[in-house]
N, C-alpha and C. Protein backbone atom coordinates (compact mmCIF):
# COMPACT_ATOMS: atom_id res chain seq x y z
N ALA A 1 0.64 -1.15 -0.17
CA ALA A 1 0.08 -0.11 -0.23
C ALA A 1 0.93 0.90 -0.10
N SER A 2 0.51 1.91 -0.64
CA SER A 2 1.46 3.57 -0.78
C SER A 2 1.52 4.64 0.40
N LYS A 3 1.82 5.13 1.21
CA LYS A 3 1.49 6.33 1.71
C LYS A 3 1.40 7.23 1.14
N ASP A 4 -0.06 8.33 2.45
CA ASP A 4 0.25 9.80 1.67
C ASP A 4 1.22 10.30 1.66
N PRO A 5 1.04 11.50 -0.30
CA PRO A 5 2.90 11.89 0.08
C PRO A 5 2.57 12.87 1.37
N GLU A 6 3.41 13.45 1.08
CA GLU A 6 4.18 14.65 2.96
C GLU A 6 4.36 15.69 2.29
N THR A 7 4.47 16.68 2.66
CA THR A 7 4.91 18.27 2.13
C THR A 7 6.70 18.14 2.62
N PRO A 8 7.23 18.54 1.80
CA PRO A 8 8.24 18.22 1.47
C PRO A 8 9.03 19.76 3.25
N ARG A 9 9.84 19.27 3.42
CA ARG A 9 10.23 19.73 5.01
C ARG A 9 10.92 20.70 5.07
N TRP A 10 11.51 21.02 3.43
CA TRP A 10 12.24 22.81 3.41
C TRP A 10 10.85 23.83 2.79
N VAL A 11 9.39 23.67 3.04
CA VAL A 11 8.38 23.92 2.84
C VAL A 11 8.92 24.81 3.90
N ARG A 12 8.64 26.18 4.02
CA ARG A 12 8.84 26.82 4.68
C ARG A 12 7.30 27.92 5.42
N GLY A 13 6.33 27.73 4.79
CA GLY A 13 5.10 28.24 5.52
C GLY A 13 4.43 27.73 5.13
N GLY A 14 2.74 27.44 6.01
CA GLY A 14 1.48 27.68 5.73
C GLY A 14 1.03 25.84 5.58
N GLN A 15 2.23 25.12 6.98
CA GLN A 15 1.98 24.20 6.63
C GLN A 15 0.47 24.24 7.32
N HIS A 16 -0.51 24.54 8.15
CA HIS A 16 -1.60 24.83 7.81
C HIS A 16 -1.93 25.16 7.45
N VAL A 17 -3.43 24.57 6.90
CA VAL A 17 -4.60 24.40 5.81
C VAL A 17 -5.17 25.07 6.25
N GLU A 18 -6.13 26.35 5.38
CA GLU A 18 -7.48 27.16 6.21
C GLU A 18 -8.41 26.55 5.25
N LEU A 19 -9.60 25.54 5.86
CA LEU A 19 -10.66 25.14 4.56
C LEU A 19 -11.65 26.20 4.48
N ALA A 20 -12.55 26.68 3.61
CA ALA A 20 -13.66 27.39 3.75
C ALA A 20 -14.40 27.04 2.00
N ARG A 21 -15.90 27.06 2.95
CA ARG A 21 -16.75 25.99 1.49
C ARG A 21 -17.70 28.17 1.64
N THR A 22 -18.28 27.83 -0.16
CA THR A 22 -19.87 28.02 0.12
C THR A 22 -21.11 27.11 0.19
N SER A 23 -21.86 28.23 0.41
CA SER A 23 -22.94 27.31 -0.09
C SER A 23 -23.26 27.05 -1.37
N ALA A 24 -22.70 27.50 -2.18
CA ALA A 24 -23.26 26.13 -3.31
C ALA A 24 -22.46 24.73 -3.80
N SER A 25 -21.55 25.24 -2.50
CA SER A 25 -20.78 23.91 -2.60
C SER A 25 -21.11 21.96 -2.54
N GLY A 26 -21.70 22.32 -2.42
CA GLY A 26 -22.81 20.59 -2.09
C GLY A 26 -22.30 19.80 -3.31
N SER A 27 -23.39 18.12 -3.21
CA SER A 27 -23.08 17.09 -3.79
C SER A 27 -24.20 17.52 -4.67
N ASP A 28 -25.17 18.23 -4.58
CA ASP A 28 -26.02 17.61 -5.61
C ASP A 28 -25.97 19.10 -7.38
N ARG A 29 -24.93 18.58 -7.37
CA ARG A 29 -24.84 19.91 -9.44
C ARG A 29 -23.02 18.59 -9.75
N PRO A 30 -23.21 19.67 -10.99
CA PRO A 30 -22.57 18.70 -11.01
C PRO A 30 -20.50 18.73 -10.60
N ARG A 31 -20.11 17.25 -11.42
CA ARG A 31 -19.11 16.85 -11.25
C ARG A 31 -18.20 16.22 -12.17
N GLY A 32 -16.78 16.91 -11.90
CA GLY A 32 -15.97 16.93 -12.87
C GLY A 32 -14.77 17.54 -13.70
N PRO A 33 -13.90 18.05 -14.09
CA PRO A 33 -12.96 18.26 -14.56
C PRO A 33 -13.32 19.06 -15.38
N ARG A 34 -14.40 19.70 -16.82
CA ARG A 34 -15.52 19.79 -17.19
C ARG A 34 -15.41 21.35 -16.55
N PHE A 35 -16.42 20.59 -15.86
CA PHE A 35 -17.02 21.68 -14.40
C PHE A 35 -15.89 22.24 -13.61
N GLY A 36 -14.79 22.06 -13.19
CA GLY A 36 -14.29 22.58 -12.28
C GLY A 36 -13.27 23.06 -13.27
N THR A 37 -12.97 23.49 -14.71
CA THR A 37 -13.11 24.35 -15.03
C THR A 37 -13.77 25.69 -15.25
N LEU A 38 -14.94 24.94 -15.62
CA LEU A 38 -15.64 26.38 -16.16
C LEU A 38 -15.83 27.30 -15.05
N VAL A 39 -16.26 26.54 -13.60
CA VAL A 39 -15.59 27.51 -12.12
C VAL A 39 -14.66 28.11 -12.67
N HIS A 40 -13.64 27.89 -12.44
CA HIS A 40 -11.95 28.77 -12.74
C HIS A 40 -12.33 30.05 -13.32
N ALA A 41 -12.32 29.63 -14.97
CA ALA A 41 -12.66 30.25 -15.74
C ALA A 41 -13.23 31.83 -15.22
N LEU A 42 -14.56 30.93 -14.39
CA LEU A 42 -15.33 32.22 -14.51
C LEU A 42 -14.53 32.83 -13.19
N LEU A 43 -13.77 32.66 -11.75
CA LEU A 43 -13.69 32.70 -10.72
C LEU A 43 -12.64 34.25 -11.64
N ALA A 44 -12.05 33.40 -12.60
CA ALA A 44 -10.66 34.19 -12.48
C ALA A 44 -10.81 35.24 -13.48
N GLU A 45 -12.24 35.70 -13.61
CA GLU A 45 -12.13 37.04 -15.42
C GLU A 45 -13.15 37.32 -14.82
N LEU A 46 -14.15 36.73 -13.88
CA LEU A 46 -15.29 37.85 -13.50
C LEU A 46 -15.07 39.00 -12.58
N PRO A 47 -14.78 40.42 -12.36
CA PRO A 47 -14.36 41.73 -11.66
C PRO A 47 -14.96 40.29 -10.42
N LEU A 48 -14.74 41.30 -9.23
CA LEU A 48 -14.92 40.57 -7.55
C LEU A 48 -16.30 40.71 -7.27
N ASP A 49 -16.74 42.30 -8.49
CA ASP A 49 -18.15 42.14 -7.71
C ASP A 49 -19.17 42.46 -9.07
N ALA A 50 -18.35 41.48 -9.43
CA ALA A 50 -19.42 41.13 -11.14
C ALA A 50 -21.07 41.01 -10.26
N ASP A 51 -21.74 41.22 -11.34
CA ASP A 51 -23.81 41.99 -11.36
C ASP A 51 -23.77 40.46 -11.99
N PRO A 52 -25.18 39.12 -11.73
CA PRO A 52 -25.42 38.77 -11.58
C PRO A 52 -25.69 37.61 -14.14
N ARG A 53 -26.02 39.45 -14.45
CA ARG A 53 -26.47 39.15 -16.03
C ARG A 53 -24.93 38.90 -16.56
N THR A 54 -23.54 39.73 -16.46
CA THR A 54 -22.21 39.28 -16.37
C THR A 54 -21.85 37.68 -16.02
N CYS A 55 -22.50 37.58 -15.42
CA CYS A 55 -22.11 36.62 -14.90
C CYS A 55 -22.30 35.41 -15.74
N GLU A 56 -23.66 35.32 -15.95
CA GLU A 56 -24.24 34.37 -16.70
C GLU A 56 -23.79 35.11 -18.41
N ASP A 57 -23.49 35.59 -18.60
CA ASP A 57 -23.15 35.48 -20.21
C ASP A 57 -22.19 35.20 -20.63
N LEU A 58 -20.99 35.46 -19.01
CA LEU A 58 -19.41 34.78 -19.12
C LEU A 58 -19.49 33.61 -18.89
N ALA A 59 -20.32 33.42 -18.55
CA ALA A 59 -20.68 31.67 -18.36
C ALA A 59 -21.12 30.38 -19.31
N HIS A 60 -22.17 31.69 -20.46
CA HIS A 60 -22.44 30.93 -21.82
C HIS A 60 -21.47 31.45 -22.62
N ALA A 61 -20.86 32.10 -21.63
CA ALA A 61 -19.71 31.95 -23.18
C ALA A 61 -18.71 30.48 -23.21
N HIS A 62 -18.03 30.38 -21.93
CA HIS A 62 -16.97 29.79 -21.39
C HIS A 62 -17.94 27.96 -21.51
N GLY A 63 -18.87 27.96 -21.83
CA GLY A 63 -19.62 27.10 -21.62
C GLY A 63 -19.61 26.70 -23.23
N ARG A 64 -20.11 27.62 -23.70
CA ARG A 64 -20.55 27.17 -24.64
C ARG A 64 -18.65 26.09 -26.10
N LEU A 65 -17.58 27.62 -25.13
CA LEU A 65 -16.21 26.66 -25.81
C LEU A 65 -16.14 24.84 -25.05
N LEU A 66 -16.09 25.48 -23.98
CA LEU A 66 -15.97 24.07 -22.93
C LEU A 66 -17.01 22.98 -23.48
N GLY A 67 -18.49 23.12 -24.11
CA GLY A 67 -18.79 21.61 -24.38
C GLY A 67 -19.75 21.30 -23.56
N ALA A 68 -20.16 22.94 -22.26
CA ALA A 68 -20.70 21.86 -21.44
C ALA A 68 -22.41 22.32 -21.45
N THR A 69 -22.60 21.44 -21.39
CA THR A 69 -24.48 21.76 -20.87
C THR A 69 -24.76 22.75 -19.50
N PRO A 70 -26.25 22.53 -20.19
CA PRO A 70 -26.67 23.38 -19.74
C PRO A 70 -26.82 23.64 -17.86
N ASP A 71 -26.86 22.28 -17.20
CA ASP A 71 -26.37 22.05 -15.99
C ASP A 71 -24.86 22.63 -15.74
N GLU A 72 -24.73 22.64 -15.69
CA GLU A 72 -23.01 23.04 -16.25
C GLU A 72 -22.81 24.05 -15.18
N VAL A 73 -23.37 24.88 -16.46
CA VAL A 73 -22.99 26.10 -16.89
C VAL A 73 -24.16 26.84 -15.77
N LYS A 74 -25.31 26.67 -15.64
CA LYS A 74 -25.38 26.91 -14.43
C LYS A 74 -25.93 26.68 -13.68
N ALA A 75 -24.85 25.09 -12.37
CA ALA A 75 -24.03 25.64 -11.30
C ALA A 75 -23.37 26.29 -11.81
N ALA A 76 -22.37 26.34 -12.54
CA ALA A 76 -20.91 27.12 -12.84
C ALA A 76 -21.97 28.55 -12.22
N GLN A 77 -22.54 29.07 -12.86
CA GLN A 77 -22.94 30.85 -12.36
C GLN A 77 -23.02 30.96 -10.68
N VAL A 78 -24.26 29.55 -10.30
CA VAL A 78 -24.23 30.04 -8.99
C VAL A 78 -23.24 29.63 -7.78
N ALA A 79 -22.54 29.32 -8.35
CA ALA A 79 -21.41 28.30 -7.82
C ALA A 79 -19.76 29.74 -7.50
N ALA A 80 -19.79 30.26 -8.73
CA ALA A 80 -19.01 31.71 -8.92
C ALA A 80 -20.22 33.34 -7.99
N GLN A 81 -20.79 33.38 -8.24
CA GLN A 81 -21.60 34.28 -7.42
C GLN A 81 -21.67 33.79 -6.08
N ALA A 82 -22.26 32.22 -5.68
CA ALA A 82 -22.09 32.29 -4.58
C ALA A 82 -20.54 32.30 -3.19
N ALA A 83 -19.40 32.37 -4.65
CA ALA A 83 -17.92 32.54 -4.22
C ALA A 83 -17.19 34.59 -4.42
N PHE A 84 -17.88 34.98 -4.80
CA PHE A 84 -18.25 36.44 -5.40
C PHE A 84 -18.53 37.26 -4.02
N ALA A 85 -19.70 36.46 -3.00
CA ALA A 85 -20.44 36.95 -1.64
C ALA A 85 -19.20 36.45 -0.99
N HIS A 86 -19.41 35.48 -0.67
CA HIS A 86 -18.27 34.72 0.57
C HIS A 86 -17.42 35.54 1.12
N PRO A 87 -16.86 35.79 2.70
CA PRO A 87 -16.91 37.50 3.09
C PRO A 87 -15.06 37.14 2.90
N LEU A 88 -13.76 35.66 2.40
CA LEU A 88 -13.03 34.97 1.99
C LEU A 88 -12.71 36.74 1.04
N MET A 89 -13.75 36.18 0.05
CA MET A 89 -13.14 36.99 -1.66
C MET A 89 -13.95 38.30 -1.34
N GLN A 90 -15.27 38.77 0.01
CA GLN A 90 -14.25 40.60 0.22
C GLN A 90 -13.64 40.48 0.83
N ARG A 91 -13.31 40.99 1.40
CA ARG A 91 -11.15 40.27 1.94
C ARG A 91 -10.92 40.79 0.91
N ALA A 92 -10.78 39.69 0.14
CA ALA A 92 -9.96 39.82 -0.76
C ALA A 92 -10.15 41.11 -1.79
N GLY A 93 -11.43 41.41 -2.13
CA GLY A 93 -11.56 42.89 -2.61
C GLY A 93 -11.54 44.01 -2.12
N ALA A 94 -11.14 43.79 -0.80
CA ALA A 94 -10.61 44.95 0.38
C ALA A 94 -8.68 45.16 0.17
N ALA A 95 -8.43 44.00 -0.53
CA ALA A 95 -6.95 43.61 0.68
C ALA A 95 -6.28 44.37 0.01
N ASP A 96 -4.97 45.21 0.30
CA ASP A 96 -3.75 45.40 0.14
C ASP A 96 -3.20 45.77 -1.84
N ALA A 97 -3.35 44.04 -1.55
CA ALA A 97 -2.86 43.88 -2.76
C ALA A 97 -3.61 42.51 -3.46
N LEU A 98 -3.81 42.73 -4.37
CA LEU A 98 -4.12 41.00 -5.09
C LEU A 98 -3.82 40.67 -6.44
N ARG A 99 -3.88 39.01 -6.35
CA ARG A 99 -3.38 39.25 -7.90
C ARG A 99 -4.04 37.65 -7.58
N ARG A 100 -4.35 37.37 -9.50
CA ARG A 100 -4.81 36.66 -9.89
C ARG A 100 -4.97 35.54 -11.11
N GLU A 101 -5.14 34.95 -10.56
CA GLU A 101 -4.43 33.62 -11.68
C GLU A 101 -2.90 33.58 -12.41
N THR A 102 -2.01 33.03 -10.93
CA THR A 102 -0.28 34.68 -11.07
C THR A 102 0.28 32.94 -11.20
N PRO A 103 1.46 32.85 -12.69
CA PRO A 103 2.29 31.92 -12.50
C PRO A 103 3.22 31.55 -11.58
N MET A 104 3.57 30.32 -11.11
CA MET A 104 4.38 30.83 -9.95
C MET A 104 5.30 29.41 -10.55
N LEU A 105 6.92 29.99 -9.58
CA LEU A 105 7.83 28.73 -9.87
C LEU A 105 8.76 28.71 -9.18
N LEU A 106 9.14 27.14 -8.41
CA LEU A 106 9.77 27.51 -6.50
C LEU A 106 10.55 26.61 -7.31
N ARG A 107 12.31 26.38 -6.87
CA ARG A 107 12.98 26.10 -7.20
C ARG A 107 13.34 25.38 -5.67
N THR A 108 12.90 23.83 -5.87
CA THR A 108 13.26 22.69 -4.83
C THR A 108 14.59 22.69 -4.42
N PRO A 109 15.11 22.81 -2.74
CA PRO A 109 16.36 22.03 -2.71
C PRO A 109 17.81 21.92 -3.89
N ASP A 110 16.71 20.38 -3.84
CA ASP A 110 17.60 19.02 -4.57
C ASP A 110 17.52 19.82 -6.32
N GLY A 111 17.43 21.49 -6.70
CA GLY A 111 17.88 22.27 -8.10
C GLY A 111 16.34 22.22 -9.05
N ARG A 112 15.41 21.20 -8.56
CA ARG A 112 14.47 21.03 -9.18
C ARG A 112 12.97 21.86 -9.19
N LEU A 113 12.00 22.25 -10.46
CA LEU A 113 11.89 23.16 -10.68
C LEU A 113 10.59 22.89 -10.76
N ILE A 114 9.86 23.59 -9.53
CA ILE A 114 7.46 23.59 -10.06
C ILE A 114 6.88 24.85 -9.88
N GLU A 115 5.96 24.67 -10.89
CA GLU A 115 5.35 25.51 -11.19
C GLU A 115 4.58 25.66 -11.39
N GLY A 116 3.09 26.47 -11.30
CA GLY A 116 1.62 25.91 -11.12
C GLY A 116 1.08 27.87 -11.03
N ILE A 117 -0.10 27.68 -11.72
CA ILE A 117 -0.99 28.77 -10.72
C ILE A 117 -1.80 28.83 -10.30
N VAL A 118 -1.55 30.19 -9.19
CA VAL A 118 -1.32 29.77 -8.17
C VAL A 118 -2.87 31.10 -8.37
N ASP A 119 -4.73 30.49 -7.67
CA ASP A 119 -5.70 31.32 -8.28
C ASP A 119 -5.87 32.49 -7.62
N LEU A 120 -5.57 32.45 -6.26
CA LEU A 120 -6.02 33.88 -5.36
C LEU A 120 -4.74 34.67 -4.34
N ALA A 121 -4.58 35.10 -4.39
CA ALA A 121 -3.67 35.24 -4.11
C ALA A 121 -3.89 37.38 -3.47
N PHE A 122 -3.46 37.24 -1.82
CA PHE A 122 -3.91 38.86 -1.90
C PHE A 122 -3.26 38.81 0.26
N ARG A 123 -2.85 40.95 -0.09
CA ARG A 123 -2.24 40.37 1.81
C ARG A 123 -2.69 42.02 1.25
N GLU A 124 -3.45 41.16 2.88
CA GLU A 124 -3.53 42.46 3.66
C GLU A 124 -2.90 42.35 4.90
N GLY A 125 -2.18 43.57 4.93
CA GLY A 125 -0.98 43.92 6.37
C GLY A 125 0.34 43.75 5.05
N GLU A 126 1.14 42.83 5.84
CA GLU A 126 2.32 41.92 5.60
C GLU A 126 2.55 40.62 5.94
N ARG A 127 0.45 40.06 5.28
CA ARG A 127 0.24 39.20 4.68
C ARG A 127 -0.09 38.99 4.24
N TRP A 128 -0.15 38.18 3.15
CA TRP A 128 -0.49 37.17 2.30
C TRP A 128 -1.35 35.50 2.64
N THR A 129 -2.36 36.36 2.05
CA THR A 129 -3.61 34.46 1.78
C THR A 129 -3.71 33.96 0.74
N VAL A 130 -3.54 32.86 0.33
CA VAL A 130 -2.85 31.93 -1.02
C VAL A 130 -4.29 31.10 -1.13
N VAL A 131 -5.10 30.92 -1.96
CA VAL A 131 -6.83 30.66 -2.19
C VAL A 131 -6.14 30.09 -3.15
N ASP A 132 -6.19 28.41 -3.11
CA ASP A 132 -7.02 27.21 -4.63
C ASP A 132 -8.34 26.88 -4.01
N PHE A 133 -8.80 27.16 -4.94
CA PHE A 133 -10.25 26.89 -5.79
C PHE A 133 -10.44 25.50 -6.16
N LYS A 134 -11.38 25.14 -4.65
CA LYS A 134 -11.74 22.84 -5.94
C LYS A 134 -14.05 23.27 -5.91
N THR A 135 -13.67 21.65 -6.69
CA THR A 135 -15.57 22.62 -6.51
C THR A 135 -15.72 20.97 -6.11
N ASP A 136 -14.54 20.55 -6.34
CA ASP A 136 -15.00 18.82 -5.24
C ASP A 136 -13.65 19.21 -3.66
N LEU A 137 -14.15 19.52 -2.99
CA LEU A 137 -13.72 20.08 -1.40
C LEU A 137 -14.69 18.98 -0.86
N SER A 138 -13.47 18.03 0.42
CA SER A 138 -14.38 17.06 0.77
C SER A 138 -13.89 17.38 2.40
N ASP A 139 -14.67 17.11 3.31
CA ASP A 139 -14.52 17.68 4.86
C ASP A 139 -12.61 17.29 4.70
N ALA A 140 -11.89 16.30 4.67
CA ALA A 140 -10.48 15.79 4.03
C ALA A 140 -10.06 15.43 3.78
N PRO A 141 -9.91 16.60 2.66
CA PRO A 141 -8.63 17.16 1.56
C PRO A 141 -8.39 16.08 1.34
N LEU A 142 -7.79 16.12 0.26
CA LEU A 142 -6.75 14.58 -1.03
C LEU A 142 -5.90 15.91 -0.73
N PRO A 143 -4.75 14.20 -0.56
CA PRO A 143 -2.90 15.31 0.26
C PRO A 143 -2.51 15.67 -0.49
N HIS A 144 -3.06 15.34 -2.04
CA HIS A 144 -1.80 16.20 -3.53
C HIS A 144 -2.53 18.02 -2.97
N TYR A 145 -4.12 19.05 -2.67
CA TYR A 145 -4.57 19.00 -2.99
C TYR A 145 -3.50 20.17 -1.60
N LEU A 146 -3.50 19.57 -0.81
CA LEU A 146 -2.82 20.02 0.66
C LEU A 146 -1.61 21.38 0.89
N ILE A 147 -0.70 19.81 -0.28
CA ILE A 147 0.59 19.72 -0.92
C ILE A 147 0.92 21.12 -2.19
N GLN A 148 0.00 20.72 -2.62
CA GLN A 148 -0.21 22.16 -3.63
C GLN A 148 -0.25 23.67 -3.34
N VAL A 149 -0.96 23.55 -2.27
CA VAL A 149 -1.39 25.17 -1.75
C VAL A 149 -0.68 25.51 -0.36
N ARG A 150 -0.30 24.57 -0.25
CA ARG A 150 1.44 24.52 1.20
C ARG A 150 2.38 25.14 0.28
N LEU A 151 2.69 24.41 -1.54
CA LEU A 151 3.96 25.10 -2.23
C LEU A 151 3.45 26.06 -2.65
N TYR A 152 2.43 26.19 -3.07
CA TYR A 152 2.47 28.04 -3.55
C TYR A 152 2.38 29.62 -2.28
N ALA A 153 2.14 29.08 -1.35
CA ALA A 153 2.30 29.47 0.27
C ALA A 153 3.43 30.06 0.23
N ASP A 154 4.50 28.84 -0.35
CA ASP A 154 5.26 29.04 0.61
C ASP A 154 6.11 29.67 -0.61
N ALA A 155 5.59 29.96 -1.57
CA ALA A 155 6.57 30.63 -3.25
C ALA A 155 5.98 32.07 -2.86
N ILE A 156 4.50 32.10 -2.51
CA ILE A 156 4.36 32.78 -2.48
C ILE A 156 5.77 34.22 -1.21
N THR A 157 5.81 33.44 -0.18
CA THR A 157 6.71 33.69 0.60
C THR A 157 7.75 34.09 0.56
N ARG A 158 8.85 32.88 -0.40
CA ARG A 158 9.85 33.06 -0.86
C ARG A 158 10.00 34.60 -1.75
N ALA A 159 9.21 34.85 -2.68
CA ALA A 159 9.29 35.86 -2.93
C ALA A 159 9.07 37.23 -2.53
N THR A 160 8.33 37.50 -1.72
CA THR A 160 7.16 38.35 -1.21
C THR A 160 8.47 38.90 0.44
N GLY A 161 8.62 37.73 0.93
CA GLY A 161 9.42 38.33 1.80
C GLY A 161 8.22 38.36 2.84
N GLN A 162 7.68 38.04 3.20
CA GLN A 162 6.42 37.95 3.87
C GLN A 162 5.96 37.34 4.34
N PRO A 163 5.36 36.73 4.71
CA PRO A 163 4.56 34.94 5.67
C PRO A 163 3.34 34.77 4.58
N ALA A 164 2.34 34.39 4.76
CA ALA A 164 1.74 33.46 3.87
C ALA A 164 0.47 32.65 3.67
N GLN A 165 -0.49 32.22 4.28
CA GLN A 165 -1.26 30.99 4.64
C GLN A 165 -1.79 30.69 3.44
N ALA A 166 -2.07 29.26 3.92
CA ALA A 166 -2.25 29.13 2.99
C ALA A 166 -4.21 28.33 3.01
N LEU A 167 -5.34 27.91 2.01
CA LEU A 167 -6.33 27.99 2.62
C LEU A 167 -7.05 27.86 1.09
N LEU A 168 -7.76 26.65 1.18
CA LEU A 168 -8.51 26.17 0.30
C LEU A 168 -9.33 26.20 0.38
N PHE A 169 -10.52 26.93 -0.55
CA PHE A 169 -11.85 27.58 -0.97
C PHE A 169 -12.45 26.39 -1.86
N GLY A 170 -14.25 25.32 -1.04
CA GLY A 170 -14.42 24.56 -1.88
C GLY A 170 -15.30 25.89 -2.43
N VAL A 171 -15.43 25.38 -3.47
CA VAL A 171 -17.06 26.62 -3.98
C VAL A 171 -17.12 25.67 -5.64
């Protein structure tokens, strides 16, 4: 039997991962990679204060590109609107600095290069909050989700010299 992967010892910060979720992150909606891609597209491109009509229009446009079903498009709109109404996203909107869909590179002590895309990072005072959106977040997050967001928080800490908190956000 294989062991769950562990966060590498050299990761500086973000060992504790906070969990947050929206009211729309329940089990009675579409699932799968296409749905996740659609929700991520909306969260990346919509203004944090987007009105429902703008959300609907963008969901339909991305839904057509992805070949999404009408149920997936509607559920993605609901998920995005619930995410933007959540206190976490309200904090992001009022933050001192905000980054969305930001490429990240991190060199490991053994010389490997890890790259990824940080869904959302925002700074309040001298502390960053690094958020990874998940459309399938359970009460016991998958180990690789925890490692991923911890690595992102470590990369932000190394790049800015400021502490970063890691957070998985079920949307």
